[in-house]
C-alpha atoms as a PDB file:
ATOM      1  CA  MET A   1      -7.314  -0.249  27.239  1.00  0.00           C
ATOM      2  CA  LYS A   2      -7.084   1.856  24.105  1.00  0.00           C
ATOM      3  CA  LYS A   3     -10.666   0.970  23.194  1.00  0.00           C
ATOM      4  CA  ALA A   4     -11.908   1.962  26.658  1.00  0.00           C
ATOM      5  CA  LEU A   5      -9.984   5.248  26.533  1.00  0.00           C
ATOM      6  CA  THR A   6     -11.401   6.015  23.112  1.00  0.00           C
ATOM      7  CA  LEU A   7     -14.917   5.314  24.357  1.00  0.00           C
ATOM      8  CA  CYS A   8     -14.400   7.598  27.375  1.00  0.00           C
ATOM      9  CA  LEU A   9     -13.095  10.367  25.152  1.00  0.00           C
ATOM     10  CA  LEU A  10     -16.028  10.030  22.774  1.00  0.00           C
ATOM     11  CA  ILE A  11     -18.470  10.201  25.690  1.00  0.00           C
ATOM     12  CA  LEU A  12     -16.671  13.310  26.957  1.00  0.00           C
ATOM     13  CA  LEU A  13     -16.846  14.897  23.540  1.00  0.00           C
ATOM     14  CA  LEU A  14     -20.508  14.003  23.070  1.00  0.00           C
ATOM     15  CA  SER A  15     -21.431  15.300  26.511  1.00  0.00           C
ATOM     16  CA  SER A  16     -19.624  18.564  25.711  1.00  0.00           C
ATOM     17  CA  THR A  17     -21.582  18.788  22.485  1.00  0.00           C
ATOM     18  CA  ALA A  18     -24.831  18.221  24.384  1.00  0.00           C
ATOM     19  CA  VAL A  19     -23.981  21.056  26.773  1.00  0.00           C
ATOM     20  CA  ILE A  20     -23.242  23.387  23.893  1.00  0.00           C
ATOM     21  CA  TYR A  21     -26.444  22.403  22.092  1.00  0.00           C
ATOM     22  CA  ALA A  22     -28.552  22.638  25.246  1.00  0.00           C
ATOM     23  CA  ASP A  23     -27.196  26.079  26.003  1.00  0.00           C
ATOM     24  CA  SER A  24     -27.984  27.231  22.438  1.00  0.00           C
ATOM     25  CA  LYS A  25     -25.786  30.278  22.971  1.00  0.00           C
ATOM     26  CA  SER A  26     -22.569  30.727  21.118  1.00  0.00           C
ATOM     27  CA  LEU A  27     -19.275  30.505  22.959  1.00  0.00           C
ATOM     28  CA  ILE A  28     -18.170  33.608  21.138  1.00  0.00           C
ATOM     29  CA  GLY A  29     -17.667  36.403  23.610  1.00  0.00           C
ATOM     30  CA  ARG A  30     -17.650  34.148  26.654  1.00  0.00           C
ATOM     31  CA  THR A  31     -14.805  34.456  29.106  1.00  0.00           C
ATOM     32  CA  ILE A  32     -12.287  31.685  29.423  1.00  0.00           C
ATOM     33  CA  LYS A  33     -12.120  31.118  33.172  1.00  0.00           C
ATOM     34  CA  SER A  34      -8.995  28.954  33.104  1.00  0.00           C
ATOM     35  CA  GLU A  35      -7.055  26.290  31.275  1.00  0.00           C
ATOM     36  CA  ALA A  36      -6.341  22.713  32.282  1.00  0.00           C
ATOM     37  CA  ALA A  37      -3.692  20.299  31.095  1.00  0.00           C
ATOM     38  CA  VAL A  38      -4.920  17.298  29.115  1.00  0.00           C
ATOM     39  CA  THR A  39      -2.801  14.224  29.779  1.00  0.00           C
ATOM     40  CA  LEU A  40      -2.794  10.737  28.326  1.00  0.00           C
ATOM     41  CA  ASN A  41      -1.004   8.092  30.373  1.00  0.00           C
ATOM     42  CA  GLY A  42       0.818  10.827  32.259  1.00  0.00           C
ATOM     43  CA  LYS A  43       1.977  12.635  29.095  1.00  0.00           C
ATOM     44  CA  ASP A  44       0.815  16.201  28.489  1.00  0.00           C
ATOM     45  CA  ILE A  45      -0.923  16.289  25.098  1.00  0.00           C
ATOM     46  CA  GLY A  46      -2.634  19.670  25.125  1.00  0.00           C
ATOM     47  CA  GLN A  47      -4.716  22.232  26.969  1.00  0.00           C
ATOM     48  CA  ALA A  48      -8.452  22.319  27.668  1.00  0.00           C
ATOM     49  CA  LEU A  49     -10.303  25.587  28.078  1.00  0.00           C
ATOM     50  CA  ILE A  50     -12.676  26.095  31.012  1.00  0.00           C
ATOM     51  CA  ILE A  51     -15.680  28.231  30.081  1.00  0.00           C
ATOM     52  CA  ASP A  52     -18.551  28.610  32.559  1.00  0.00           C
ATOM     53  CA  GLY A  53     -17.400  25.527  34.472  1.00  0.00           C
ATOM     54  CA  VAL A  54     -17.286  23.318  31.366  1.00  0.00           C
ATOM     55  CA  SER A  55     -14.005  22.024  29.944  1.00  0.00           C
ATOM     56  CA  TYR A  56     -13.508  22.116  26.179  1.00  0.00           C
ATOM     57  CA  ALA A  57     -10.726  19.799  25.130  1.00  0.00           C
ATOM     58  CA  PRO A  58      -9.026  19.830  21.725  1.00  0.00           C
ATOM     59  CA  VAL A  59     -10.666  17.006  19.767  1.00  0.00           C
ATOM     60  CA  ARG A  60      -7.865  16.590  17.217  1.00  0.00           C
ATOM     61  CA  VAL A  61      -5.102  16.315  19.817  1.00  0.00           C
ATOM     62  CA  ILE A  62      -7.003  13.808  21.952  1.00  0.00           C
ATOM     63  CA  ALA A  63      -8.214  11.735  19.025  1.00  0.00           C
ATOM     64  CA  GLU A  64      -4.803  11.526  17.361  1.00  0.00           C
ATOM     65  CA  ALA A  65      -3.158  10.640  20.682  1.00  0.00           C
ATOM     66  CA  SER A  66      -5.736   7.839  20.982  1.00  0.00           C
ATOM     67  CA  GLY A  67      -4.884   6.496  17.540  1.00  0.00           C
ATOM     68  CA  LEU A  68      -7.861   7.945  15.696  1.00  0.00           C
ATOM     69  CA  GLU A  69      -7.861   9.883  12.460  1.00  0.00           C
ATOM     70  CA  VAL A  70      -9.668  13.211  12.562  1.00  0.00           C
ATOM     71  CA  GLY A  71     -11.509  14.944   9.777  1.00  0.00           C
ATOM     72  CA  TYR A  72     -13.894  17.857   9.443  1.00  0.00           C
ATOM     73  CA  LYS A  73     -16.727  18.154   6.953  1.00  0.00           C
ATOM     74  CA  LYS A  74     -19.596  20.650   6.912  1.00  0.00           C
ATOM     75  CA  GLY A  75     -19.821  21.341  10.635  1.00  0.00           C
ATOM     76  CA  GLU A  76     -19.080  17.770  11.692  1.00  0.00           C
ATOM     77  CA  VAL A  77     -15.931  16.398  13.316  1.00  0.00           C
ATOM     78  CA  ILE A  78     -15.322  12.893  11.979  1.00  0.00           C
ATOM     79  CA  LEU A  79     -13.306  10.377  13.977  1.00  0.00           C
ATOM     80  CA  THR A  80     -12.185   7.122  12.331  1.00  0.00           C
ATOM     81  CA  THR A  81      -9.784   4.321  13.101  1.00  0.00           C
ATOM     82  CA  GLU A  82      -7.251   3.210  10.581  1.00  0.00           C
ATOM     83  CA  THR A  83      -6.281  -0.161  12.023  1.00  0.00           C
ATOM     84  CA  ASP A  84      -9.650  -1.754  12.729  1.00  0.00           C
ATOM     85  CA  VAL A  85     -10.070  -5.256  11.446  1.00  0.00           C
ATOM     86  CA  THR A  86     -13.643  -6.201  10.717  1.00  0.00           C
ATOM     87  CA  ILE A  87     -14.130  -9.923  11.026  1.00  0.00           C
ATOM     88  CA  ASP A  88     -16.982 -12.362  10.861  1.00  0.00           C
ATOM     89  CA  LYS A  89     -18.331 -12.252  14.432  1.00  0.00           C
ATOM     90  CA  GLN A  90     -19.862 -15.703  14.116  1.00  0.00           C
ATOM     91  CA  ALA A  91     -16.546 -17.211  13.022  1.00  0.00           C
ATOM     92  CA  ALA A  92     -14.389 -15.450  15.570  1.00  0.00           C
ATOM     93  CA  ASP A  93     -16.886 -14.238  18.198  1.00  0.00           C
ATOM     94  CA  ILE A  94     -14.939 -11.054  18.936  1.00  0.00           C
ATOM     95  CA  GLU A  95     -15.568  -7.386  18.284  1.00  0.00           C
ATOM     96  CA  PRO A  96     -13.572  -5.491  15.654  1.00  0.00           C
ATOM     97  CA  VAL A  97     -10.306  -4.368  17.227  1.00  0.00           C
ATOM     98  CA  SER A  98      -6.911  -3.315  15.996  1.00  0.00           C
ATOM     99  CA  ILE A  99      -4.403  -5.908  14.883  1.00  0.00           C
ATOM    100  CA  GLU A 100      -2.015  -4.633  17.529  1.00  0.00           C
ATOM    101  CA  ALA A 101      -4.637  -5.135  20.248  1.00  0.00           C
ATOM    102  CA  MET A 102      -5.296  -8.689  19.066  1.00  0.00           C
ATOM    103  CA  GLN A 103      -1.567  -9.460  19.075  1.00  0.00           C
ATOM    104  CA  LYS A 104      -1.227  -8.094  22.614  1.00  0.00           C
ATOM    105  CA  GLU A 105      -4.251 -10.106  23.750  1.00  0.00           C
ATOM    106  CA  LYS A 106      -2.797 -13.215  22.106  1.00  0.00           C
ATOM    107  CA  LYS A 107       0.534 -12.754  23.925  1.00  0.00           C
ATOM    108  CA  ARG A 108      -1.246 -12.184  27.251  1.00  0.00           C
ATOM    109  CA  LEU A 109      -3.384 -15.283  26.775  1.00  0.00           C
ATOM    110  CA  GLU A 110      -0.347 -17.385  25.815  1.00  0.00           C
ATOM    111  CA  ILE A 111       1.360 -16.365  29.059  1.00  0.00           C
ATOM    112  CA  GLU A 112      -1.781 -17.100  31.075  1.00  0.00           C
ATOM    113  CA  SER A 113      -2.107 -20.448  29.292  1.00  0.00           C
ATOM    114  CA  GLN A 114       1.447 -21.415  30.231  1.00  0.00           C
ATOM    115  CA  THR A 115       0.856 -20.316  33.826  1.00  0.00           C
ATOM    116  CA  LEU A 116      -2.312 -22.399  34.060  1.00  0.00           C
ATOM    117  CA  SER A 117      -0.498 -25.406  32.578  1.00  0.00           C
ATOM    118  CA  ASN A 118       2.107 -25.031  35.323  1.00  0.00           C
ATOM    119  CA  TYR A 119      -0.653 -24.805  37.955  1.00  0.00           C
ATOM    120  CA  ILE A 120      -2.246 -27.980  36.583  1.00  0.00           C
ATOM    121  CA  ASN A 121       1.091 -29.805  36.740  1.00  0.00           C
ATOM    122  CA  ASP A 122       1.628 -28.564  40.293  1.00  0.00           C
ATOM    123  CA  ALA A 123      -1.870 -29.693  41.272  1.00  0.00           C
ATOM    124  CA  ASP A 124      -1.129 -33.162  39.858  1.00  0.00           C
ATOM    125  CA  LYS A 125       2.014 -33.323  42.001  1.00  0.00           C
ATOM    126  CA  VAL A 126       0.144 -32.189  45.116  1.00  0.00           C
ATOM    127  CA  ILE A 127      -2.599 -34.738  44.502  1.00  0.00           C
ATOM    128  CA  ALA A 128      -0.035 -37.495  44.006  1.00  0.00           C
ATOM    129  CA  ILE A 129       1.801 -36.539  47.207  1.00  0.00           C
ATOM    130  CA  HIS A 130      -1.423 -36.445  49.229  1.00  0.00           C
ATOM    131  CA  LYS A 131      -2.604 -39.764  47.802  1.00  0.00           C
ATOM    132  CA  ASP A 132       0.740 -41.337  48.678  1.00  0.00           C
ATOM    133  CA  ALA A 133       0.540 -39.896  52.194  1.00  0.00           C
ATOM    134  CA  LEU A 134      -3.072 -41.066  52.500  1.00  0.00           C
ATOM    135  CA  SER A 135      -1.932 -44.680  52.168  1.00  0.00           C
ATOM    136  CA  LYS A 136       0.628 -44.180  54.950  1.00  0.00           C
ATOM    137  CA  VAL A 137      -1.238 -42.193  57.621  1.00  0.00           C
ATOM    138  CA  ASP A 138      -3.431 -43.545  60.369  1.00  0.00           C
ATOM    139  CA  ASP A 139      -7.210 -43.303  60.262  1.00  0.00           C
ATOM    140  CA  THR A 140      -7.341 -40.060  62.272  1.00  0.00           C
ATOM    141  CA  LEU A 141      -5.621 -38.130  59.453  1.00  0.00           C
ATOM    142  CA  LYS A 142      -7.243 -39.828  56.447  1.00  0.00           C
ATOM    143  CA  GLU A 143     -10.206 -37.436  56.377  1.00  0.00           C
ATOM    144  CA  THR A 144      -7.880 -34.427  56.388  1.00  0.00           C
ATOM    145  CA  TYR A 145      -5.857 -35.817  53.483  1.00  0.00           C
ATOM    146  CA  GLU A 146      -9.018 -36.707  51.556  1.00  0.00           C
ATOM    147  CA  GLU A 147     -10.221 -33.102  51.967  1.00  0.00           C
ATOM    148  CA  MET A 148      -6.867 -31.792  50.742  1.00  0.00           C
ATOM    149  CA  ILE A 149      -7.056 -34.122  47.721  1.00  0.00           C
ATOM    150  CA  ASP A 150     -10.619 -32.977  46.965  1.00  0.00           C
ATOM    151  CA  LYS A 151      -9.594 -29.321  47.229  1.00  0.00           C
ATOM    152  CA  ALA A 152      -6.578 -29.851  44.942  1.00  0.00           C
ATOM    153  CA  GLU A 153      -8.765 -31.688  42.410  1.00  0.00           C
ATOM    154  CA  GLU A 154     -11.333 -28.853  42.461  1.00  0.00           C
ATOM    155  CA  GLU A 155      -8.584 -26.286  41.900  1.00  0.00           C
ATOM    156  CA  LYS A 156      -7.162 -28.381  39.073  1.00  0.00           C
ATOM    157  CA  ALA A 157     -10.617 -28.623  37.450  1.00  0.00           C
ATOM    158  CA  GLY A 158     -10.960 -24.829  37.669  1.00  0.00           C
ATOM    159  CA  TYR A 159      -7.552 -24.368  36.055  1.00  0.00           C
ATOM    160  CA  GLN A 160      -8.523 -26.805  33.303  1.00  0.00           C
ATOM    161  CA  ARG A 161     -11.795 -24.958  32.610  1.00  0.00           C
ATOM    162  CA  ARG A 162     -10.009 -21.608  32.404  1.00  0.00           C
ATOM    163  CA  LEU A 163      -7.305 -23.130  30.183  1.00  0.00           C
ATOM    164  CA  ALA A 164      -9.979 -24.459  27.801  1.00  0.00           C
ATOM    165  CA  GLU A 165     -11.553 -20.980  27.643  1.00  0.00           C
ATOM    166  CA  ILE A 166      -8.175 -19.401  26.896  1.00  0.00           C
ATOM    167  CA  GLU A 167      -7.351 -21.956  24.205  1.00  0.00           C
ATOM    168  CA  SER A 168     -10.730 -21.282  22.580  1.00  0.00           C
ATOM    169  CA  ARG A 169     -10.106 -17.530  22.692  1.00  0.00           C
ATOM    170  CA  LEU A 170      -6.609 -17.996  21.239  1.00  0.00           C
ATOM    171  CA  ALA A 171      -8.044 -20.021  18.359  1.00  0.00           C
ATOM    172  CA  LYS A 172     -10.538 -17.227  17.625  1.00  0.00           C
ATOM    173  CA  ILE A 173      -7.794 -14.616  17.679  1.00  0.00           C
ATOM    174  CA  GLU A 174      -5.740 -16.755  15.268  1.00  0.00           C
ATOM    175  CA  VAL A 175      -8.728 -16.876  12.891  1.00  0.00           C
ATOM    176  CA  ALA A 176      -9.122 -13.094  13.122  1.00  0.00           C
ATOM    177  CA  LEU A 177      -5.410 -12.449  12.572  1.00  0.00           C
ATOM    178  CA  SER A 178      -5.369 -14.818   9.601  1.00  0.00           C
ATOM    179  CA  ALA A 179      -8.398 -13.039   8.133  1.00  0.00           C
ATOM    180  CA  SER A 180      -6.679  -9.666   8.545  1.00  0.00           C
ATOM    181  CA  ASN A 181      -3.624 -10.858   6.613  1.00  0.00           C
ATOM    182  CA  LYS A 182      -5.689 -11.661   3.521  1.00  0.00           C
END
């Protein structure tokens, strides 16, 4: 989420820069038409100025609220992250992200993994119950029970595929976290 917000803010800032450059007139002397609150996750973090229908938000306030460091050098605003972990993409197959983001993703995947394991166990129980019932019902209901067994087996296979994907992703996150601790 933080990465997406940062990207949106950068796009906003770049588009504002393009408008300023395209206009080629200085903002000096222009009239501020109004101000607008800038909020992040419902929290007021500053004010944006509205000049000729374009909002100009405070870069430093937005960037720092998004976890970026802000610098200025010779007419250039420089945004950097301090917690990025650069890892071997081939080894871990994930983009550089913050350690905190990887830990959150790991926790989320562990919960999803446990949930899928429970679904697989439940599917096994359903399949067993339907197979037991299949041996006891008359021929008119056998097709219905066979369809229910097939459906439960398909669902179980889907859960198993997703669980394998999650376990692979968790292993990659572990590699990345281990690399960041070195």
